[in-house]
C-alpha cells in the first residue's frame, strides 16, 4: 500500500478513536463533547474571544447549520453568547463567556492529561514531525 494512503487511512481511524475516547472523558468529567471542546477552544483562541459563525464553521469543518445546532446548547448553558455586529446586522458572532472560559480551563486540563496518557509511548521528537505534517494538511488556523 502507498505510504500516503496508508497514513490517511490510519489517521482517519486514529481520529475516530480519539474523538470517541475524548467524548467519553470530557462528557464524564465536564458534560462536554469533544466537538464542544473544540468549538470553545476556537473561540478562546480567537481575537476578543469571538468569531463570525461562518469562520467558526470553517475552522471546525462544519456547515453553517451545523454550527448553529452546535452553538444552541452552549448558548443555553451560558458558555457561549451571540453578539451582533455593530455595523452590519447580517453578521453574527459567537463569543465565549466567562463561564465558558472557566469550563474550558478545566476541560483543557482533563484533555491534556488524557492526551499525555494516550501518547505515553510516543516521544516528543516523534510527535513534532507528525504535528508539522498535520499542520501542513489542515493549513493555518
Protein backbone atom coordinates (compact mmCIF):
# COMPACT_ATOMS: atom_id res chain seq x y z
CA UNK A 1 0.00 0.00 0.00
CA UNK A 2 1.18 3.51 -0.77
CA UNK A 3 2.59 5.32 2.29
CA UNK A 4 0.43 8.40 1.74
CA UNK A 5 -2.77 6.34 1.53
CA UNK A 6 -1.78 4.20 4.49
CA UNK A 7 -1.12 7.36 6.54
CA UNK A 8 -4.52 8.78 5.58
CA UNK A 9 -6.35 5.57 6.49
CA UNK A 10 -4.57 5.28 9.82
CA UNK A 11 -5.17 8.97 10.51
CA UNK A 12 -8.90 8.50 9.90
CA UNK A 13 -9.03 5.54 12.29
CA UNK A 14 -6.98 7.40 14.90
CA UNK A 15 -9.26 10.44 14.53
CA UNK A 16 -12.36 8.34 15.21
CA UNK A 17 -10.71 6.68 18.21
CA UNK A 18 -9.55 9.97 19.73
CA UNK A 19 -12.95 11.62 19.30
CA UNK A 20 -14.79 8.66 20.82
CA UNK A 21 -12.44 8.49 23.80
CA UNK A 22 -12.32 12.24 24.43
CA UNK A 23 -16.10 12.46 24.12
CA UNK A 24 -16.33 9.89 26.91
CA UNK A 25 -13.69 11.53 29.13
CA UNK A 26 -14.86 15.13 28.66
CA UNK A 27 -18.52 14.15 28.86
CA UNK A 28 -17.99 12.23 32.08
CA UNK A 29 -15.99 14.96 33.79
CA UNK A 30 -17.44 18.16 32.34
CA UNK A 31 -20.66 17.36 30.46
CA UNK A 32 -18.93 18.48 27.28
CA UNK A 33 -18.46 16.70 23.96
CA UNK A 34 -15.12 16.83 22.19
CA UNK A 35 -16.82 18.88 19.43
CA UNK A 36 -18.00 21.39 22.04
CA UNK A 37 -14.47 21.47 23.48
CA UNK A 38 -13.00 22.24 20.05
CA UNK A 39 -15.58 24.98 19.48
CA UNK A 40 -14.84 26.62 22.84
CA UNK A 41 -11.13 26.36 22.16
CA UNK A 42 -11.54 28.01 18.74
CA UNK A 43 -13.43 30.89 20.32
CA UNK A 44 -10.97 31.25 23.22
CA UNK A 45 -8.04 31.42 20.78
CA UNK A 46 -9.72 33.99 18.52
CA UNK A 47 -9.08 37.72 18.92
CA UNK A 48 -11.52 39.06 21.50
CA UNK A 49 -12.81 35.53 22.16
CA UNK A 50 -15.23 35.77 19.25
CA UNK A 51 -15.62 34.55 15.70
CA UNK A 52 -18.14 35.04 12.96
CA UNK A 53 -20.28 31.96 12.69
CA UNK A 54 -19.09 31.37 9.13
CA UNK A 55 -15.44 31.47 10.28
CA UNK A 56 -16.22 29.11 13.14
CA UNK A 57 -17.86 26.72 10.67
CA UNK A 58 -14.74 26.79 8.50
CA UNK A 59 -12.39 26.14 11.42
CA UNK A 60 -14.45 23.23 12.68
CA UNK A 61 -15.24 21.74 9.28
CA UNK A 62 -18.98 22.21 9.79
CA UNK A 63 -21.76 23.72 7.73
CA UNK A 64 -23.42 26.96 8.84
CA UNK A 65 -26.43 24.98 10.09
CA UNK A 66 -24.09 22.55 11.87
CA UNK A 67 -22.51 25.44 13.76
CA UNK A 68 -25.94 26.77 14.68
CA UNK A 69 -27.02 23.36 16.02
CA UNK A 70 -23.76 23.06 17.97
CA UNK A 71 -23.99 26.57 19.42
CA UNK A 72 -27.60 26.36 20.67
CA UNK A 73 -26.97 24.14 23.72
CA UNK A 74 -23.76 26.06 24.52
CA UNK A 75 -25.74 29.30 24.48
CA UNK A 76 -28.45 27.79 26.73
CA UNK A 77 -25.84 26.74 29.28
CA UNK A 78 -24.23 30.20 29.18
CA UNK A 79 -20.86 29.06 27.84
CA UNK A 80 -21.29 30.96 24.57
CA UNK A 81 -23.22 34.10 23.71
CA UNK A 82 -24.39 35.71 20.47
CA UNK A 83 -23.11 39.11 19.51
CA UNK A 84 -24.36 41.21 16.62
CA UNK A 85 -22.00 43.28 14.50
CA UNK A 86 -22.49 46.97 15.23
CA UNK A 87 -22.06 47.93 11.58
CA UNK A 88 -23.74 45.03 9.78
CA UNK A 89 -26.84 43.36 11.22
CA UNK A 90 -26.37 40.39 8.86
CA UNK A 91 -23.13 39.41 10.63
CA UNK A 92 -23.32 37.49 13.87
CA UNK A 93 -20.56 36.46 16.21
CA UNK A 94 -20.24 33.61 18.67
CA UNK A 95 -18.46 34.76 21.83
CA UNK A 96 -17.07 32.64 24.63
CA UNK A 97 -18.36 33.80 28.02
CA UNK A 98 -16.56 33.90 31.38
CA UNK A 99 -18.36 30.66 32.31
CA UNK A 100 -17.20 29.16 29.01
CA UNK A 101 -13.60 30.15 29.76
CA UNK A 102 -13.82 28.57 33.22
CA UNK A 103 -15.24 25.34 31.79
CA UNK A 104 -12.63 25.29 29.04
CA UNK A 105 -9.78 25.77 31.53
CA UNK A 106 -10.95 22.73 33.50
CA UNK A 107 -11.65 20.67 30.39
CA UNK A 108 -8.26 21.65 28.96
CA UNK A 109 -6.52 20.11 31.99
CA UNK A 110 -8.53 16.91 31.59
CA UNK A 111 -7.86 16.72 27.83
CA UNK A 112 -4.14 17.45 28.33
CA UNK A 113 -3.83 14.66 30.91
CA UNK A 114 -5.75 12.26 28.70
CA UNK A 115 -3.69 13.12 25.59
CA UNK A 116 -0.47 12.63 27.54
CA UNK A 117 -1.69 9.22 28.69
CA UNK A 118 -2.88 8.27 25.21
CA UNK A 119 0.51 9.14 23.70
CA UNK A 120 2.62 7.96 26.63
CA UNK A 121 4.58 5.58 24.38
CA UNK A 122 5.48 8.37 21.92
CA UNK A 123 8.44 10.67 22.39
CA UNK A 124 8.27 14.43 21.81
CA UNK A 125 10.81 14.09 19.00
CA UNK A 126 8.42 11.63 17.29
CA UNK A 127 5.38 13.88 17.74
CA UNK A 128 6.98 17.10 16.43
CA UNK A 129 7.27 15.95 12.79
CA UNK A 130 3.75 14.49 12.91
CA UNK A 131 2.43 17.80 14.19
CA UNK A 132 4.19 19.51 11.27
CA UNK A 133 2.58 17.09 8.78
CA UNK A 134 -0.86 17.71 10.27
CA UNK A 135 -0.32 21.48 10.31
CA UNK A 136 0.56 21.36 6.61
CA UNK A 137 -2.50 19.25 5.91
CA UNK A 138 -5.05 21.49 7.64
CA UNK A 139 -3.42 24.84 6.90
CA UNK A 140 -3.33 27.91 9.12
CA UNK A 141 -5.92 28.16 11.87
